Amino acid sequence: MVNGHRAPAISALGLRKSFGEHVVLDGIDITVPEGTVYSLLGPNGAGKTTTVQILSTLIHADDGETRVGGHDVESERDAVRKAIGVTGQFSAVDELLTGRENLILMGDLQHLPRRESKRLAADLLARFDLVEAGDKPASTYSGGMTRRLDLAMTLVGDPRIIFLDEPTTGLDPRSRRVIWDLIRGLVDDYNVTVFLTTQYLEEADQLADRIAVLDHGRIVAEGTAAELKRLVPGGHIRLQFADRTALFAASAALGVAAQLVDDDDDDDDLTLAVPSDGSVKSLRALLDRLDYEQIEVEGLAVHTPNLDDVFLTLTGQPTSEKETVA
């Protein structure tokens, strides 16, 4: 507790890291509340993996104050390690062992009693839908099964905070969604805090409560997915009208040029695209204006830029590049 309030699960203030003369992190601030998913997005070499490595005690920061699970990352490293689990870009699964043996091995490394390790292994195999494959060599697992086992291994020791560094890289869309469901279940059902880096914008959009965009060592934007999308111009509300009279009346009232698009059936597409940030406030104002003018609307749709547009606008780079460890 800090001043009567619960301390965040993860906090960083003025976090800096350089490798030689190359500045990787240039004073970033991060706050992650308990029981949430926080996603760090960034182009190739932006420093996402470096951030995870610092927060999970794998490397030292050059400067800044960082706390994880209420513990100082520099002076209480052992306490931090007891509170966290880490799943890196590359699987930690031993393919010579079975899934069950991998989980029991993690229990041994956590110094759990062997009986407890076996019980926990059985529970995790069930939770991650790996019971039938549990006694087969991990070398026979598909990519999605291996990733599920890797995530299950991270949970041995009951960490309250989990760092996931690009956990679904290389998986097919179906396997990726299975992992998403498991991650969201950890947060919703077990109140685990997840710090996620990803190269898939859809992943951040689906999972993250808050998203930070990291570029050239600085966080250039932070917020919910909806808040970030409103930063980029191009959003609009598309209105559909029953006839030209209503269309042109709305066009005059709103000061927006009408669109008449002939389709194959020679019927006009009576639509009006009104620039908007997509917020509830702007939508309400628009509908109030039309109601005041007694103009009937047949239908409407809100169009906002997606996270790809946000990312490209903020960083000038696509996210399809794979990050090097820096």
Protein backbone atom coordinates (compact mmCIF):
# COMPACT_ATOMS: atom_id res chain seq x y z
CA MET A 1 0.00 0.00 0.00
CA VAL A 2 1.21 3.51 -0.84
CA ASN A 3 -0.59 6.45 0.84
CA GLY A 4 -3.61 4.23 1.39
CA HIS A 5 -3.69 2.99 -2.22
CA ARG A 6 -2.59 -0.33 -3.67
CA ALA A 7 0.81 -0.07 -5.32
CA PRO A 8 0.90 -0.90 -9.04
CA ALA A 9 2.10 -4.36 -10.04
CA ILE A 10 4.83 -2.79 -12.18
CA SER A 11 6.22 0.73 -12.16
CA ALA A 12 9.18 2.36 -13.86
CA LEU A 13 10.22 5.98 -13.69
CA GLY A 14 12.93 7.43 -15.91
CA LEU A 15 14.11 4.01 -17.08
CA ARG A 16 17.30 4.27 -19.15
CA LYS A 17 19.57 1.77 -20.85
CA SER A 18 22.41 2.10 -23.35
CA PHE A 19 24.68 -0.42 -25.00
CA GLY A 20 27.87 1.50 -25.64
CA GLU A 21 26.87 4.73 -27.37
CA HIS A 22 23.57 3.27 -28.55
CA VAL A 23 20.68 4.53 -26.39
CA VAL A 24 17.98 1.86 -26.22
CA LEU A 25 15.72 3.29 -23.50
CA ASP A 26 15.71 7.04 -23.03
CA GLY A 27 13.83 7.69 -19.80
CA ILE A 28 10.54 5.80 -20.12
CA ASP A 29 7.78 5.74 -17.49
CA ILE A 30 5.50 2.72 -17.05
CA THR A 31 2.66 2.01 -14.61
CA VAL A 32 0.78 -1.29 -14.70
CA PRO A 33 -2.14 -1.82 -12.27
CA GLU A 34 -2.68 -5.25 -10.74
CA GLY A 35 -4.84 -7.71 -12.65
CA THR A 36 -4.48 -6.03 -16.05
CA VAL A 37 -2.79 -6.68 -19.39
CA TYR A 38 -0.29 -4.02 -20.44
CA SER A 39 1.10 -4.25 -23.96
CA LEU A 40 4.32 -2.67 -25.19
CA LEU A 41 4.41 -2.11 -28.95
CA GLY A 42 7.39 -0.91 -30.91
CA PRO A 43 9.22 -1.30 -34.23
CA ASN A 44 12.32 -3.40 -34.72
CA GLY A 45 14.97 -2.55 -32.12
CA ALA A 46 12.70 -0.20 -30.17
CA GLY A 47 13.72 -1.69 -26.83
CA LYS A 48 10.74 -3.91 -25.97
CA THR A 49 12.82 -6.96 -25.08
CA THR A 50 15.32 -4.82 -23.19
CA THR A 51 12.47 -3.44 -21.09
CA VAL A 52 11.30 -6.97 -20.23
CA GLN A 53 14.85 -8.03 -19.39
CA ILE A 54 15.29 -5.11 -16.99
CA LEU A 55 11.92 -5.53 -15.28
CA SER A 56 12.47 -9.28 -14.90
CA THR A 57 15.97 -8.74 -13.37
CA LEU A 58 17.87 -10.32 -16.28
CA ILE A 59 19.93 -7.17 -16.93
CA HIS A 60 20.57 -3.95 -15.03
CA ALA A 61 19.23 -0.54 -15.99
CA ASP A 62 21.60 2.41 -16.27
CA ASP A 63 19.21 4.72 -14.47
CA GLY A 64 15.65 4.96 -13.22
CA GLU A 65 13.46 3.64 -10.43
CA THR A 66 11.74 0.32 -11.08
CA ARG A 67 9.49 -1.76 -8.83
CA VAL A 68 7.83 -5.07 -9.62
CA GLY A 69 5.40 -6.69 -7.20
CA GLY A 70 6.17 -3.93 -4.71
CA HIS A 71 9.90 -4.74 -4.71
CA ASP A 72 12.80 -2.67 -5.96
CA VAL A 73 14.23 -4.37 -9.03
CA GLU A 74 17.83 -3.45 -8.20
CA SER A 75 17.98 -4.00 -4.43
CA GLU A 76 15.37 -6.78 -4.02
CA ARG A 77 16.05 -8.95 -7.04
CA ASP A 78 15.32 -12.27 -5.31
CA ALA A 79 11.94 -11.02 -4.09
CA VAL A 80 11.08 -9.83 -7.60
CA ARG A 81 12.02 -13.21 -9.08
CA LYS A 82 9.74 -15.01 -6.65
CA ALA A 83 6.82 -12.84 -7.74
CA ILE A 84 7.18 -13.19 -11.52
CA GLY A 85 7.11 -15.66 -14.38
CA VAL A 86 8.74 -15.06 -17.76
CA THR A 87 7.96 -16.52 -21.17
CA GLY A 88 10.49 -15.35 -23.73
CA GLN A 89 10.45 -15.25 -27.51
CA PHE A 90 11.97 -18.72 -27.65
CA SER A 91 10.47 -21.74 -25.94
CA ALA A 92 12.06 -23.02 -22.73
CA VAL A 93 10.56 -26.49 -23.25
CA ASP A 94 12.96 -29.47 -23.09
CA GLU A 95 11.89 -31.55 -26.10
CA LEU A 96 13.52 -34.70 -24.72
CA LEU A 97 11.11 -34.70 -21.78
CA THR A 98 7.35 -35.22 -21.76
CA GLY A 99 5.04 -32.34 -21.01
CA ARG A 100 4.45 -33.67 -17.51
CA GLU A 101 8.19 -34.10 -16.91
CA ASN A 102 8.83 -30.51 -18.02
CA LEU A 103 6.32 -29.24 -15.49
CA ILE A 104 7.68 -31.43 -12.69
CA LEU A 105 11.20 -30.21 -13.52
CA MET A 106 10.01 -26.62 -13.08
CA GLY A 107 8.58 -27.59 -9.71
CA ASP A 108 11.96 -29.06 -8.72
CA LEU A 109 13.67 -25.83 -9.75
CA GLN A 110 11.19 -23.96 -7.54
CA HIS A 111 12.15 -26.33 -4.66
CA LEU A 112 8.59 -27.64 -4.38
CA PRO A 113 7.97 -31.02 -2.74
CA ARG A 114 7.80 -33.73 -5.42
CA ARG A 115 4.20 -34.59 -4.49
CA GLU A 116 3.22 -30.92 -4.93
CA SER A 117 5.06 -30.76 -8.27
CA LYS A 118 3.15 -33.79 -9.55
CA ARG A 119 -0.19 -32.38 -8.40
CA LEU A 120 0.57 -29.01 -9.98
CA ALA A 121 1.68 -30.66 -13.24
CA ALA A 122 -1.62 -32.55 -13.47
CA ASP A 123 -3.61 -29.36 -12.80
CA LEU A 124 -1.71 -27.36 -15.42
CA LEU A 125 -1.98 -30.09 -18.05
CA ALA A 126 -5.75 -30.01 -17.55
CA ARG A 127 -5.96 -26.22 -17.56
CA PHE A 128 -4.00 -25.96 -20.80
CA ASP A 129 -5.77 -28.86 -22.54
CA LEU A 130 -2.65 -31.02 -22.66
CA VAL A 131 -3.82 -34.08 -20.70
CA GLU A 132 -3.74 -36.46 -23.68
CA ALA A 133 -0.28 -35.23 -24.71
CA GLY A 134 1.05 -34.95 -21.18
CA ASP A 135 3.06 -38.19 -21.26
CA LYS A 136 4.33 -37.82 -24.81
CA PRO A 137 7.74 -36.29 -25.64
CA ALA A 138 7.51 -32.54 -26.17
CA SER A 139 9.32 -33.07 -29.48
CA THR A 140 6.03 -34.46 -30.85
CA TYR A 141 4.05 -31.33 -29.94
CA SER A 142 2.77 -28.84 -32.50
CA GLY A 143 3.87 -25.22 -32.25
CA GLY A 144 0.68 -24.25 -30.47
CA MET A 145 0.95 -27.11 -27.99
CA THR A 146 4.59 -26.26 -27.27
CA ARG A 147 3.64 -22.65 -26.59
CA ARG A 148 0.84 -23.73 -24.26
CA LEU A 149 3.24 -25.96 -22.36
CA ASP A 150 5.76 -23.11 -22.21
CA LEU A 151 3.12 -20.82 -20.71
CA ALA A 152 2.04 -23.54 -18.27
CA MET A 153 5.65 -23.91 -17.13
CA THR A 154 5.73 -20.18 -16.43
CA LEU A 155 2.88 -20.63 -13.94
CA VAL A 156 4.73 -23.14 -11.75
CA GLY A 157 5.37 -21.29 -8.52
CA ASP A 158 2.12 -19.29 -8.83
CA PRO A 159 3.57 -15.98 -10.11
CA ARG A 160 1.36 -12.92 -9.69
CA ILE A 161 3.06 -11.07 -12.55
CA ILE A 162 3.90 -12.64 -15.92
CA PHE A 163 6.12 -11.19 -18.64
CA LEU A 164 5.25 -12.47 -22.12
CA ASP A 165 7.75 -11.45 -24.79
CA GLU A 166 6.06 -12.03 -28.16
CA PRO A 167 4.36 -15.23 -26.96
CA THR A 168 2.54 -16.11 -30.20
CA THR A 169 5.25 -15.44 -32.78
CA GLY A 170 5.13 -18.06 -35.52
CA LEU A 171 1.79 -19.57 -34.49
CA ASP A 172 -1.12 -20.05 -36.87
CA PRO A 173 -4.22 -17.88 -36.27
CA ARG A 174 -6.15 -20.65 -34.48
CA SER A 175 -3.29 -21.45 -32.08
CA ARG A 176 -2.77 -17.74 -31.48
CA ARG A 177 -6.38 -17.30 -30.40
CA VAL A 178 -6.12 -20.28 -28.04
CA ILE A 179 -3.15 -18.57 -26.36
CA TRP A 180 -5.14 -15.31 -26.20
CA ASP A 181 -7.97 -17.10 -24.40
CA LEU A 182 -5.51 -18.61 -21.92
CA ILE A 183 -3.88 -15.23 -21.24
CA ARG A 184 -7.21 -13.49 -20.73
CA GLY A 185 -8.30 -16.35 -18.44
CA LEU A 186 -5.23 -15.84 -16.26
CA VAL A 187 -6.18 -12.21 -15.76
CA ASP A 188 -9.94 -12.65 -15.37
CA ASP A 189 -9.93 -15.84 -13.28
CA TYR A 190 -6.69 -15.57 -11.29
CA ASN A 191 -6.08 -11.79 -11.17
CA VAL A 192 -2.62 -12.24 -12.70
CA THR A 193 -0.92 -9.16 -14.14
CA VAL A 194 0.47 -9.60 -17.68
CA PHE A 195 3.16 -7.46 -19.31
CA LEU A 196 3.00 -8.29 -23.01
CA THR A 197 5.22 -7.39 -25.92
CA THR A 198 3.94 -8.35 -29.34
CA GLN A 199 4.46 -7.79 -33.03
CA TYR A 200 0.77 -8.43 -33.72
CA LEU A 201 -1.35 -5.32 -33.37
CA GLU A 202 -4.52 -7.40 -33.32
CA GLU A 203 -3.10 -9.20 -30.28
CA ALA A 204 -2.65 -5.96 -28.37
CA ASP A 205 -6.09 -4.80 -29.50
CA GLN A 206 -7.72 -8.01 -28.28
CA LEU A 207 -5.86 -8.45 -24.99
CA ALA A 208 -4.46 -5.22 -23.61
CA ASP A 209 -6.20 -2.96 -21.13
CA ARG A 210 -3.55 -0.34 -21.93
CA ILE A 211 -1.03 -0.07 -24.75
CA ALA A 212 2.23 1.89 -24.89
CA VAL A 213 3.96 2.62 -28.20
CA LEU A 214 7.75 2.61 -27.87
CA ASP A 215 9.85 4.29 -30.55
CA HIS A 216 13.55 5.26 -30.48
CA GLY A 217 13.72 4.54 -26.76
CA ARG A 218 10.77 6.72 -25.81
CA ILE A 219 7.08 6.05 -25.21
CA VAL A 220 5.38 8.20 -27.84
CA ALA A 221 1.80 7.35 -26.92
CA GLU A 222 -0.08 5.41 -24.25
CA GLY A 223 -3.72 4.59 -23.61
CA THR A 224 -6.48 2.15 -24.37
CA ALA A 225 -6.79 0.86 -27.92
CA ALA A 226 -9.75 3.19 -28.49
CA GLU A 227 -7.85 6.21 -27.16
CA LEU A 228 -4.87 5.49 -29.41
CA LYS A 229 -7.05 5.09 -32.48
CA ARG A 230 -8.54 8.53 -31.88
CA LEU A 231 -5.04 10.06 -32.15
CA VAL A 232 -4.97 9.40 -35.89
CA PRO A 233 -7.00 11.47 -38.39
CA GLY A 234 -9.27 9.67 -40.83
CA GLY A 235 -12.03 8.54 -38.50
CA HIS A 236 -15.57 9.23 -39.60
CA ILE A 237 -19.22 8.41 -39.01
CA ARG A 238 -20.93 7.04 -42.10
CA LEU A 239 -24.63 7.92 -42.30
CA GLN A 240 -27.12 6.13 -44.58
CA PHE A 241 -30.30 7.85 -45.79
CA ALA A 242 -33.51 6.60 -47.40
CA ASP A 243 -33.69 9.26 -50.09
CA ARG A 244 -31.83 12.17 -51.64
CA THR A 245 -33.90 14.76 -49.82
CA ALA A 246 -32.71 13.55 -46.43
CA LEU A 247 -29.17 13.14 -47.73
CA PHE A 248 -28.84 16.68 -49.02
CA ALA A 249 -30.58 18.13 -45.94
CA ALA A 250 -28.02 16.39 -43.71
CA SER A 251 -25.20 17.51 -46.00
CA ALA A 252 -26.28 21.14 -45.63
CA ALA A 253 -26.85 20.87 -41.87
CA LEU A 254 -23.49 19.23 -41.18
CA GLY A 255 -21.43 21.04 -43.82
CA VAL A 256 -20.23 17.79 -45.39
CA ALA A 257 -20.29 16.96 -49.09
CA ALA A 258 -22.78 14.22 -50.03
CA GLN A 259 -21.66 11.06 -51.81
CA LEU A 260 -23.73 9.53 -54.59
CA VAL A 261 -22.31 6.20 -55.71
CA ASP A 262 -24.16 4.17 -58.33
CA ASP A 263 -24.02 0.42 -57.81
CA ASP A 264 -24.79 -2.37 -60.29
CA ASP A 265 -28.53 -2.10 -59.63
CA ASP A 266 -28.60 1.59 -60.58
CA ASP A 267 -29.65 2.50 -57.03
CA ASP A 268 -27.81 5.36 -55.39
CA ASP A 269 -25.72 4.69 -52.28
CA LEU A 270 -27.09 7.55 -50.22
CA THR A 271 -24.31 7.98 -47.68
CA LEU A 272 -22.62 10.81 -45.87
CA ALA A 273 -19.15 10.47 -44.30
CA VAL A 274 -18.77 12.93 -41.39
CA PRO A 275 -15.25 13.37 -39.95
CA SER A 276 -15.21 12.24 -36.32
CA ASP A 277 -12.90 10.88 -33.65
CA GLY A 278 -15.45 8.11 -33.05
CA SER A 279 -16.09 9.08 -29.43
CA VAL A 280 -19.50 8.79 -27.79
CA LYS A 281 -19.52 12.56 -27.26
CA SER A 282 -19.06 13.35 -30.96
CA LEU A 283 -21.63 10.73 -32.00
CA ARG A 284 -24.18 12.13 -29.56
CA ALA A 285 -23.58 15.68 -30.83
CA LEU A 286 -24.05 14.53 -34.42
CA LEU A 287 -27.33 12.73 -33.71
CA ASP A 288 -28.61 15.66 -31.65
CA ARG A 289 -27.95 17.97 -34.61
CA LEU A 290 -29.81 15.69 -37.01
CA ASP A 291 -32.70 15.35 -34.54
CA TYR A 292 -32.88 19.13 -34.19
CA GLU A 293 -33.11 19.42 -37.99
CA GLN A 294 -35.71 16.60 -38.05
CA ILE A 295 -33.61 14.52 -40.43
CA GLU A 296 -34.16 10.77 -40.35
CA VAL A 297 -31.16 8.43 -40.62
CA GLU A 298 -31.59 4.90 -41.98
CA GLY A 299 -28.36 3.60 -40.49
CA LEU A 300 -24.93 4.57 -39.30
CA ALA A 301 -21.49 3.07 -38.77
CA VAL A 302 -18.51 4.43 -36.87
CA HIS A 303 -15.17 4.03 -38.63
CA THR A 304 -11.96 4.65 -36.69
CA PRO A 305 -8.34 4.03 -37.73
CA ASN A 306 -7.04 0.66 -36.63
CA LEU A 307 -3.87 0.12 -34.60
CA ASP A 308 -1.87 -0.39 -37.79
CA ASP A 309 -2.73 3.18 -38.79
CA VAL A 310 -1.83 4.41 -35.31
CA PHE A 311 1.47 2.58 -35.28
CA LEU A 312 2.49 3.75 -38.75
CA THR A 313 1.54 7.35 -37.96
CA LEU A 314 3.37 7.44 -34.63
CA THR A 315 6.54 5.57 -35.62
CA GLY A 316 6.70 5.85 -39.39
CA GLN A 317 7.32 2.10 -39.53
CA PRO A 318 5.23 -1.03 -39.99
CA THR A 319 5.23 -3.66 -37.26
CA SER A 320 5.93 -6.66 -39.44
CA GLU A 321 9.65 -6.46 -38.73
CA LYS A 322 10.96 -8.82 -36.04
CA GLU A 323 12.78 -7.10 -33.21
CA THR A 324 16.38 -7.86 -32.48
CA VAL A 325 17.31 -8.19 -28.82
CA ALA A 326 18.33 -4.64 -27.98
